[in-house]
Amino acid sequence: MTKHETMYMKFESFEEQLAHCYFLLHERFIANPQLARFWADTALDELHHQSILRFCRERGLMSGAAIDAKTTAHVEQLLDTVKGIITDPNVSVDEAFYASLLIESSELEDVYEELTERLAQDHRLLFDAIRMSLREHHESFAEAVEEFSGQPGMAEAFRNLGKAGKRS
């Protein structure tokens, strides 16, 4: 297994772990069907990210991105923090969104964009769909915060993530 394949597998795992966190929030807020649905949809987005990374790896469509060990360690640490918040049986809606903002604004999104960059060459439609999906993903967080939390600053932070389009 090459170094790049190992890196892709590591970030596939991160995306899967984040999906699991969001599925836990789906269960936590099951009494509010609309909020629970949001978390389920968000978990599915993360599984989609994992699947796209796997697709790239299995098809040999890996970018030449060199993700340093410091970035990987930071994402892993943030994911552990998010897991700690989310697994609290009394996690509040605001805390859940805060935990999500921590990881959604992290290098994980940047790395995902870098690792899928190669698709722009041979799979332009897929590449464009991925970029649109990322913007929609962050916008859905902003809308959910407005609907279920009412924290305008947090909603704006998510909205800014969607606008950033780090790698358009």
N, C-alpha and C. Protein backbone atom coordinates (compact mmCIF):
# COMPACT_ATOMS: atom_id res chain seq x y z
N MET A 1 0.84 -1.18 0.00
CA MET A 1 0.00 0.00 0.00
C MET A 1 0.89 1.24 0.00
N THR A 2 0.54 2.18 -0.86
CA THR A 2 1.35 3.39 -0.97
C THR A 2 1.02 4.38 0.15
N LYS A 3 1.87 5.34 0.28
CA LYS A 3 1.69 6.40 1.27
C LYS A 3 0.39 7.17 0.99
N HIS A 4 0.11 7.43 -0.28
CA HIS A 4 -1.12 8.16 -0.64
C HIS A 4 -2.36 7.32 -0.32
N GLU A 5 -2.31 6.03 -0.60
CA GLU A 5 -3.46 5.18 -0.29
C GLU A 5 -3.73 5.17 1.21
N THR A 6 -2.67 5.11 1.99
CA THR A 6 -2.81 5.12 3.44
C THR A 6 -3.43 6.44 3.91
N MET A 7 -3.00 7.54 3.31
CA MET A 7 -3.55 8.85 3.68
C MET A 7 -5.04 8.91 3.34
N TYR A 8 -5.40 8.44 2.15
CA TYR A 8 -6.81 8.44 1.77
C TYR A 8 -7.63 7.60 2.75
N MET A 9 -7.10 6.44 3.10
CA MET A 9 -7.82 5.57 4.03
C MET A 9 -7.99 6.23 5.39
N LYS A 10 -7.00 6.97 5.84
CA LYS A 10 -7.08 7.67 7.11
C LYS A 10 -8.21 8.71 7.08
N PHE A 11 -8.29 9.47 6.01
CA PHE A 11 -9.32 10.49 5.93
C PHE A 11 -10.69 9.89 5.62
N GLU A 12 -10.73 8.75 4.96
CA GLU A 12 -11.99 8.02 4.81
C GLU A 12 -12.52 7.66 6.21
N SER A 13 -11.61 7.20 7.06
CA SER A 13 -11.98 6.83 8.42
C SER A 13 -12.49 8.04 9.20
N PHE A 14 -11.84 9.18 9.04
CA PHE A 14 -12.29 10.40 9.73
C PHE A 14 -13.70 10.77 9.30
N GLU A 15 -13.97 10.70 8.01
CA GLU A 15 -15.32 11.03 7.51
C GLU A 15 -16.35 10.05 8.06
N GLU A 16 -15.99 8.78 8.13
CA GLU A 16 -16.91 7.78 8.68
C GLU A 16 -17.17 8.02 10.16
N GLN A 17 -16.14 8.36 10.91
CA GLN A 17 -16.30 8.65 12.33
C GLN A 17 -17.19 9.87 12.55
N LEU A 18 -17.03 10.87 11.71
CA LEU A 18 -17.87 12.05 11.83
C LEU A 18 -19.32 11.70 11.51
N ALA A 19 -19.53 10.87 10.50
CA ALA A 19 -20.89 10.41 10.18
C ALA A 19 -21.50 9.72 11.39
N HIS A 20 -20.72 8.89 12.05
CA HIS A 20 -21.21 8.19 13.24
C HIS A 20 -21.63 9.20 14.32
N CYS A 21 -20.83 10.23 14.50
CA CYS A 21 -21.18 11.28 15.48
C CYS A 21 -22.52 11.91 15.13
N TYR A 22 -22.73 12.20 13.87
CA TYR A 22 -23.98 12.82 13.45
C TYR A 22 -25.16 11.85 13.59
N PHE A 23 -24.91 10.56 13.38
CA PHE A 23 -25.98 9.58 13.61
C PHE A 23 -26.33 9.52 15.10
N LEU A 24 -25.34 9.69 15.97
CA LEU A 24 -25.61 9.74 17.41
C LEU A 24 -26.49 10.95 17.74
N LEU A 25 -26.23 12.07 17.08
CA LEU A 25 -27.06 13.25 17.31
C LEU A 25 -28.48 13.04 16.78
N HIS A 26 -28.59 12.31 15.70
CA HIS A 26 -29.91 11.93 15.19
C HIS A 26 -30.68 11.19 16.29
N GLU A 27 -30.03 10.23 16.91
CA GLU A 27 -30.67 9.47 17.99
C GLU A 27 -30.96 10.35 19.19
N ARG A 28 -30.03 11.22 19.54
CA ARG A 28 -30.18 12.08 20.72
C ARG A 28 -31.40 12.99 20.59
N PHE A 29 -31.64 13.48 19.38
CA PHE A 29 -32.71 14.44 19.18
C PHE A 29 -33.92 13.83 18.46
N ILE A 30 -34.09 12.54 18.59
CA ILE A 30 -35.16 11.83 17.89
C ILE A 30 -36.55 12.34 18.25
N ALA A 31 -36.69 12.94 19.43
CA ALA A 31 -37.99 13.48 19.86
C ALA A 31 -38.41 14.69 19.02
N ASN A 32 -37.45 15.29 18.33
CA ASN A 32 -37.74 16.41 17.43
C ASN A 32 -37.47 15.91 16.01
N PRO A 33 -38.49 15.42 15.33
CA PRO A 33 -38.29 14.77 14.03
C PRO A 33 -37.54 15.62 13.00
N GLN A 34 -37.81 16.91 12.96
CA GLN A 34 -37.12 17.76 11.98
C GLN A 34 -35.64 17.89 12.29
N LEU A 35 -35.31 18.05 13.56
CA LEU A 35 -33.92 18.15 13.97
C LEU A 35 -33.22 16.81 13.77
N ALA A 36 -33.88 15.73 14.14
CA ALA A 36 -33.31 14.39 13.96
C ALA A 36 -33.04 14.13 12.47
N ARG A 37 -33.96 14.55 11.63
CA ARG A 37 -33.78 14.37 10.18
C ARG A 37 -32.57 15.15 9.68
N PHE A 38 -32.40 16.37 10.20
CA PHE A 38 -31.22 17.16 9.82
C PHE A 38 -29.94 16.38 10.12
N TRP A 39 -29.85 15.82 11.33
CA TRP A 39 -28.63 15.11 11.71
C TRP A 39 -28.43 13.84 10.88
N ALA A 40 -29.51 13.16 10.55
CA ALA A 40 -29.40 11.98 9.70
C ALA A 40 -28.90 12.37 8.30
N ASP A 41 -29.47 13.44 7.75
CA ASP A 41 -29.03 13.90 6.44
C ASP A 41 -27.56 14.32 6.45
N THR A 42 -27.16 14.96 7.52
CA THR A 42 -25.78 15.41 7.65
C THR A 42 -24.84 14.21 7.76
N ALA A 43 -25.26 13.19 8.50
CA ALA A 43 -24.46 11.97 8.59
C ALA A 43 -24.30 11.34 7.22
N LEU A 44 -25.36 11.34 6.44
CA LEU A 44 -25.28 10.78 5.09
C LEU A 44 -24.34 11.59 4.21
N ASP A 45 -24.29 12.90 4.40
CA ASP A 45 -23.32 13.73 3.67
C ASP A 45 -21.90 13.27 3.97
N GLU A 46 -21.63 13.00 5.24
CA GLU A 46 -20.28 12.58 5.62
C GLU A 46 -19.95 11.20 5.05
N LEU A 47 -20.93 10.32 5.01
CA LEU A 47 -20.71 9.02 4.38
C LEU A 47 -20.45 9.19 2.88
N HIS A 48 -21.10 10.16 2.29
CA HIS A 48 -20.84 10.49 0.89
C HIS A 48 -19.40 10.93 0.71
N HIS A 49 -18.91 11.77 1.60
CA HIS A 49 -17.50 12.21 1.54
C HIS A 49 -16.57 11.00 1.62
N GLN A 50 -16.87 10.11 2.56
CA GLN A 50 -16.05 8.91 2.70
C GLN A 50 -16.06 8.10 1.40
N SER A 51 -17.22 7.96 0.82
CA SER A 51 -17.37 7.18 -0.40
C SER A 51 -16.60 7.80 -1.57
N ILE A 52 -16.63 9.10 -1.68
CA ILE A 52 -15.91 9.79 -2.75
C ILE A 52 -14.41 9.60 -2.58
N LEU A 53 -13.92 9.69 -1.35
CA LEU A 53 -12.50 9.45 -1.11
C LEU A 53 -12.12 8.02 -1.48
N ARG A 54 -12.97 7.08 -1.13
CA ARG A 54 -12.71 5.67 -1.47
C ARG A 54 -12.71 5.51 -3.00
N PHE A 55 -13.66 6.14 -3.66
CA PHE A 55 -13.72 6.10 -5.12
C PHE A 55 -12.39 6.59 -5.72
N CYS A 56 -11.92 7.72 -5.23
CA CYS A 56 -10.65 8.26 -5.72
C CYS A 56 -9.50 7.27 -5.49
N ARG A 57 -9.45 6.70 -4.31
CA ARG A 57 -8.38 5.76 -3.97
C ARG A 57 -8.45 4.51 -4.84
N GLU A 58 -9.64 3.93 -4.94
CA GLU A 58 -9.78 2.68 -5.68
C GLU A 58 -9.56 2.84 -7.17
N ARG A 59 -9.84 4.03 -7.70
CA ARG A 59 -9.67 4.27 -9.13
C ARG A 59 -8.30 4.88 -9.46
N GLY A 60 -7.48 5.06 -8.43
CA GLY A 60 -6.17 5.65 -8.65
C GLY A 60 -6.24 7.11 -9.03
N LEU A 61 -7.31 7.77 -8.61
CA LEU A 61 -7.50 9.20 -8.90
C LEU A 61 -7.07 10.05 -7.70
N MET A 62 -5.94 9.71 -7.17
CA MET A 62 -5.46 10.39 -5.98
C MET A 62 -4.66 11.62 -6.37
N SER A 63 -4.90 12.69 -5.64
CA SER A 63 -4.16 13.91 -5.90
C SER A 63 -2.75 13.75 -5.35
N GLY A 64 -1.89 14.62 -5.76
CA GLY A 64 -0.52 14.60 -5.25
C GLY A 64 -0.39 15.36 -3.95
N ALA A 65 -1.52 15.68 -3.33
CA ALA A 65 -1.52 16.46 -2.09
C ALA A 65 -0.69 15.77 -1.02
N ALA A 66 0.15 16.53 -0.41
CA ALA A 66 0.96 16.02 0.69
C ALA A 66 0.38 16.60 1.98
N ILE A 67 -0.41 15.80 2.66
CA ILE A 67 -1.02 16.24 3.91
C ILE A 67 -0.04 15.91 5.03
N ASP A 68 0.38 16.93 5.74
CA ASP A 68 1.41 16.69 6.75
C ASP A 68 0.82 16.03 8.00
N ALA A 69 1.71 15.43 8.76
CA ALA A 69 1.32 14.70 9.97
C ALA A 69 0.67 15.63 10.99
N LYS A 70 1.08 16.88 11.03
CA LYS A 70 0.52 17.85 11.97
C LYS A 70 -0.97 18.08 11.67
N THR A 71 -1.31 18.21 10.41
CA THR A 71 -2.70 18.40 10.01
C THR A 71 -3.53 17.18 10.38
N THR A 72 -3.01 16.01 10.06
CA THR A 72 -3.72 14.77 10.36
C THR A 72 -3.95 14.64 11.87
N ALA A 73 -2.93 14.93 12.65
CA ALA A 73 -3.05 14.84 14.10
C ALA A 73 -4.06 15.86 14.64
N HIS A 74 -4.08 17.05 14.06
CA HIS A 74 -5.02 18.07 14.51
C HIS A 74 -6.46 17.66 14.22
N VAL A 75 -6.70 17.13 13.04
CA VAL A 75 -8.05 16.67 12.69
C VAL A 75 -8.46 15.54 13.63
N GLU A 76 -7.54 14.63 13.90
CA GLU A 76 -7.84 13.52 14.80
C GLU A 76 -8.17 14.03 16.20
N GLN A 77 -7.42 15.01 16.67
CA GLN A 77 -7.67 15.59 17.98
C GLN A 77 -9.03 16.29 18.03
N LEU A 78 -9.35 17.06 16.99
CA LEU A 78 -10.65 17.73 16.93
C LEU A 78 -11.78 16.72 16.90
N LEU A 79 -11.59 15.65 16.15
CA LEU A 79 -12.62 14.61 16.07
C LEU A 79 -12.84 13.98 17.44
N ASP A 80 -11.77 13.77 18.19
CA ASP A 80 -11.91 13.25 19.55
C ASP A 80 -12.67 14.23 20.44
N THR A 81 -12.40 15.52 20.28
CA THR A 81 -13.12 16.54 21.04
C THR A 81 -14.61 16.51 20.70
N VAL A 82 -14.90 16.44 19.41
CA VAL A 82 -16.29 16.39 18.94
C VAL A 82 -16.99 15.15 19.50
N LYS A 83 -16.31 14.02 19.45
CA LYS A 83 -16.89 12.78 20.00
C LYS A 83 -17.20 12.95 21.48
N GLY A 84 -16.30 13.60 22.21
CA GLY A 84 -16.52 13.82 23.63
C GLY A 84 -17.75 14.66 23.90
N ILE A 85 -17.96 15.67 23.11
CA ILE A 85 -19.13 16.53 23.27
C ILE A 85 -20.40 15.78 22.89
N ILE A 86 -20.36 15.13 21.76
CA ILE A 86 -21.55 14.49 21.20
C ILE A 86 -22.00 13.27 22.00
N THR A 87 -21.07 12.56 22.61
CA THR A 87 -21.46 11.37 23.36
C THR A 87 -22.01 11.69 24.75
N ASP A 88 -21.97 12.94 25.14
CA ASP A 88 -22.60 13.34 26.40
C ASP A 88 -24.11 13.15 26.24
N PRO A 89 -24.72 12.33 27.08
CA PRO A 89 -26.16 12.07 26.91
C PRO A 89 -27.03 13.31 27.09
N ASN A 90 -26.48 14.35 27.68
CA ASN A 90 -27.24 15.58 27.89
C ASN A 90 -26.80 16.71 26.96
N VAL A 91 -26.14 16.35 25.87
CA VAL A 91 -25.67 17.38 24.94
C VAL A 91 -26.86 18.21 24.47
N SER A 92 -26.68 19.51 24.49
CA SER A 92 -27.76 20.41 24.06
C SER A 92 -27.66 20.64 22.55
N VAL A 93 -28.69 21.23 22.01
CA VAL A 93 -28.70 21.57 20.59
C VAL A 93 -27.54 22.51 20.28
N ASP A 94 -27.37 23.54 21.10
CA ASP A 94 -26.28 24.50 20.88
C ASP A 94 -24.92 23.82 20.95
N GLU A 95 -24.73 22.94 21.91
CA GLU A 95 -23.46 22.24 22.03
C GLU A 95 -23.21 21.34 20.81
N ALA A 96 -24.26 20.71 20.32
CA ALA A 96 -24.12 19.85 19.14
C ALA A 96 -23.69 20.67 17.93
N PHE A 97 -24.31 21.82 17.75
CA PHE A 97 -23.93 22.66 16.62
C PHE A 97 -22.52 23.23 16.81
N TYR A 98 -22.16 23.56 18.03
CA TYR A 98 -20.81 24.04 18.30
C TYR A 98 -19.78 22.97 17.95
N ALA A 99 -20.04 21.74 18.37
CA ALA A 99 -19.12 20.64 18.05
C ALA A 99 -19.00 20.46 16.55
N SER A 100 -20.11 20.58 15.86
CA SER A 100 -20.10 20.47 14.40
C SER A 100 -19.29 21.58 13.76
N LEU A 101 -19.45 22.79 14.28
CA LEU A 101 -18.70 23.91 13.74
C LEU A 101 -17.20 23.70 13.92
N LEU A 102 -16.82 23.13 15.05
CA LEU A 102 -15.39 22.85 15.28
C LEU A 102 -14.81 22.00 14.16
N ILE A 103 -15.49 20.91 13.84
CA ILE A 103 -14.93 19.97 12.85
C ILE A 103 -15.20 20.44 11.43
N GLU A 104 -16.35 21.05 11.19
CA GLU A 104 -16.67 21.49 9.83
C GLU A 104 -15.77 22.64 9.39
N SER A 105 -15.28 23.42 10.32
CA SER A 105 -14.39 24.53 9.97
C SER A 105 -12.92 24.14 10.05
N SER A 106 -12.66 22.89 10.32
CA SER A 106 -11.28 22.42 10.48
C SER A 106 -10.64 22.10 9.14
N GLU A 107 -9.43 21.61 9.23
CA GLU A 107 -8.67 21.21 8.04
C GLU A 107 -9.30 20.01 7.34
N LEU A 108 -10.22 19.31 8.00
CA LEU A 108 -10.85 18.14 7.39
C LEU A 108 -11.50 18.53 6.07
N GLU A 109 -12.19 19.65 6.05
CA GLU A 109 -12.83 20.10 4.80
C GLU A 109 -11.79 20.47 3.75
N ASP A 110 -10.72 21.15 4.17
CA ASP A 110 -9.66 21.51 3.24
C ASP A 110 -9.02 20.27 2.63
N VAL A 111 -8.74 19.29 3.47
CA VAL A 111 -8.11 18.06 3.00
C VAL A 111 -9.03 17.33 2.03
N TYR A 112 -10.31 17.26 2.37
CA TYR A 112 -11.27 16.61 1.48
C TYR A 112 -11.25 17.27 0.10
N GLU A 113 -11.23 18.59 0.08
CA GLU A 113 -11.18 19.30 -1.19
C GLU A 113 -9.88 18.99 -1.94
N GLU A 114 -8.77 18.96 -1.22
CA GLU A 114 -7.49 18.65 -1.87
C GLU A 114 -7.47 17.22 -2.40
N LEU A 115 -8.00 16.30 -1.62
CA LEU A 115 -7.94 14.89 -2.03
C LEU A 115 -8.89 14.57 -3.18
N THR A 116 -9.87 15.41 -3.41
CA THR A 116 -10.80 15.17 -4.53
C THR A 116 -10.46 16.04 -5.75
N GLU A 117 -9.43 16.84 -5.65
CA GLU A 117 -9.04 17.76 -6.72
C GLU A 117 -8.78 17.07 -8.05
N ARG A 118 -8.22 15.89 -8.00
CA ARG A 118 -7.85 15.16 -9.22
C ARG A 118 -9.09 14.84 -10.08
N LEU A 119 -10.25 14.78 -9.47
CA LEU A 119 -11.47 14.49 -10.22
C LEU A 119 -11.76 15.57 -11.26
N ALA A 120 -11.23 16.76 -11.07
CA ALA A 120 -11.48 17.87 -12.01
C ALA A 120 -10.96 17.53 -13.40
N GLN A 121 -9.95 16.68 -13.49
CA GLN A 121 -9.36 16.35 -14.79
C GLN A 121 -10.24 15.42 -15.61
N ASP A 122 -10.61 14.28 -15.04
CA ASP A 122 -11.30 13.25 -15.80
C ASP A 122 -12.77 13.07 -15.44
N HIS A 123 -13.20 13.67 -14.36
CA HIS A 123 -14.58 13.52 -13.88
C HIS A 123 -15.13 14.88 -13.47
N ARG A 124 -15.13 15.81 -14.42
CA ARG A 124 -15.48 17.19 -14.11
C ARG A 124 -16.89 17.34 -13.53
N LEU A 125 -17.85 16.59 -14.06
CA LEU A 125 -19.21 16.69 -13.54
C LEU A 125 -19.27 16.26 -12.07
N LEU A 126 -18.57 15.18 -11.75
CA LEU A 126 -18.53 14.72 -10.36
C LEU A 126 -17.83 15.75 -9.49
N PHE A 127 -16.73 16.27 -9.96
CA PHE A 127 -15.98 17.29 -9.23
C PHE A 127 -16.87 18.50 -8.92
N ASP A 128 -17.57 18.99 -9.95
CA ASP A 128 -18.45 20.15 -9.75
C ASP A 128 -19.58 19.83 -8.78
N ALA A 129 -20.12 18.62 -8.86
CA ALA A 129 -21.19 18.21 -7.94
C ALA A 129 -20.68 18.16 -6.50
N ILE A 130 -19.47 17.71 -6.32
CA ILE A 130 -18.87 17.66 -4.98
C ILE A 130 -18.74 19.06 -4.41
N ARG A 131 -18.25 19.99 -5.21
CA ARG A 131 -18.07 21.36 -4.73
C ARG A 131 -19.41 22.00 -4.37
N MET A 132 -20.43 21.76 -5.20
CA MET A 132 -21.77 22.29 -4.92
C MET A 132 -22.31 21.66 -3.64
N SER A 133 -22.09 20.38 -3.49
CA SER A 133 -22.57 19.66 -2.31
C SER A 133 -21.94 20.21 -1.03
N LEU A 134 -20.67 20.56 -1.08
CA LEU A 134 -20.01 21.14 0.10
C LEU A 134 -20.65 22.48 0.48
N ARG A 135 -20.92 23.31 -0.52
CA ARG A 135 -21.57 24.59 -0.22
C ARG A 135 -22.95 24.37 0.38
N GLU A 136 -23.70 23.44 -0.19
CA GLU A 136 -25.04 23.14 0.32
C GLU A 136 -24.98 22.55 1.73
N HIS A 137 -23.96 21.74 1.98
CA HIS A 137 -23.76 21.11 3.29
C HIS A 137 -23.64 22.20 4.37
N HIS A 138 -22.80 23.18 4.12
CA HIS A 138 -22.61 24.24 5.10
C HIS A 138 -23.83 25.15 5.20
N GLU A 139 -24.48 25.39 4.10
CA GLU A 139 -25.71 26.20 4.14
C GLU A 139 -26.79 25.49 4.94
N SER A 140 -26.88 24.18 4.82
CA SER A 140 -27.90 23.44 5.59
C SER A 140 -27.63 23.55 7.09
N PHE A 141 -26.36 23.60 7.47
CA PHE A 141 -26.03 23.82 8.88
C PHE A 141 -26.51 25.20 9.31
N ALA A 142 -26.23 26.20 8.50
CA ALA A 142 -26.65 27.56 8.84
C ALA A 142 -28.15 27.64 9.03
N GLU A 143 -28.89 27.04 8.12
CA GLU A 143 -30.35 27.05 8.21
C GLU A 143 -30.83 26.30 9.45
N ALA A 144 -30.19 25.18 9.76
CA ALA A 144 -30.59 24.39 10.93
C ALA A 144 -30.30 25.15 12.22
N VAL A 145 -29.16 25.83 12.27
CA VAL A 145 -28.85 26.63 13.46
C VAL A 145 -29.92 27.70 13.64
N GLU A 146 -30.29 28.37 12.56
CA GLU A 146 -31.32 29.40 12.66
C GLU A 146 -32.64 28.82 13.14
N GLU A 147 -32.98 27.65 12.66
CA GLU A 147 -34.27 27.04 13.00
C GLU A 147 -34.30 26.44 14.40
N PHE A 148 -33.22 25.77 14.80
CA PHE A 148 -33.26 24.99 16.04
C PHE A 148 -32.46 25.60 17.19
N SER A 149 -31.57 26.54 16.89
CA SER A 149 -30.72 27.08 17.93
C SER A 149 -30.91 28.58 18.10
N GLY A 150 -31.04 29.29 17.02
CA GLY A 150 -31.21 30.73 17.11
C GLY A 150 -29.94 31.47 17.46
N GLN A 151 -28.79 30.90 17.14
CA GLN A 151 -27.50 31.55 17.39
C GLN A 151 -27.04 32.21 16.09
N PRO A 152 -27.33 33.49 15.88
CA PRO A 152 -27.01 34.11 14.60
C PRO A 152 -25.52 34.08 14.25
N GLY A 153 -24.67 34.20 15.25
CA GLY A 153 -23.23 34.16 14.99
C GLY A 153 -22.79 32.81 14.47
N MET A 154 -23.34 31.77 15.04
CA MET A 154 -22.98 30.43 14.61
C MET A 154 -23.54 30.15 13.22
N ALA A 155 -24.75 30.60 12.96
CA ALA A 155 -25.34 30.43 11.63
C ALA A 155 -24.48 31.14 10.59
N GLU A 156 -24.04 32.33 10.92
CA GLU A 156 -23.20 33.09 9.99
C GLU A 156 -21.86 32.40 9.77
N ALA A 157 -21.31 31.81 10.81
CA ALA A 157 -20.04 31.08 10.66
C ALA A 157 -20.19 29.93 9.68
N PHE A 158 -21.28 29.17 9.80
CA PHE A 158 -21.53 28.08 8.85
C PHE A 158 -21.74 28.64 7.44
N ARG A 159 -22.49 29.71 7.36
CA ARG A 159 -22.75 30.31 6.05
C ARG A 159 -21.44 30.76 5.40
N ASN A 160 -20.53 31.31 6.18
CA ASN A 160 -19.26 31.74 5.65
C ASN A 160 -18.42 30.56 5.15
N LEU A 161 -18.54 29.43 5.81
CA LEU A 161 -17.84 28.23 5.34
C LEU A 161 -18.31 27.87 3.93
N GLY A 162 -19.61 27.95 3.73
CA GLY A 162 -20.18 27.62 2.43
C GLY A 162 -19.77 28.60 1.35
N LYS A 163 -19.59 29.85 1.73
CA LYS A 163 -19.22 30.88 0.76
C LYS A 163 -17.73 30.83 0.44
N ALA A 164 -16.96 30.35 1.40
CA ALA A 164 -15.51 30.39 1.26
C ALA A 164 -15.03 29.70 -0.01
N GLY A 165 -15.65 28.55 -0.32
CA GLY A 165 -15.24 27.85 -1.53
C GLY A 165 -13.74 27.80 -1.66
N LYS A 166 -13.10 27.29 -0.65
CA LYS A 166 -11.65 27.33 -0.53
C LYS A 166 -10.93 26.95 -1.82
N ARG A 167 -11.51 26.02 -2.55
CA ARG A 167 -10.88 25.56 -3.79
C ARG A 167 -11.92 25.48 -4.89
N SER A 168 -12.37 26.60 -5.34
CA SER A 168 -13.43 26.63 -6.34
C SER A 168 -12.97 26.05 -7.65
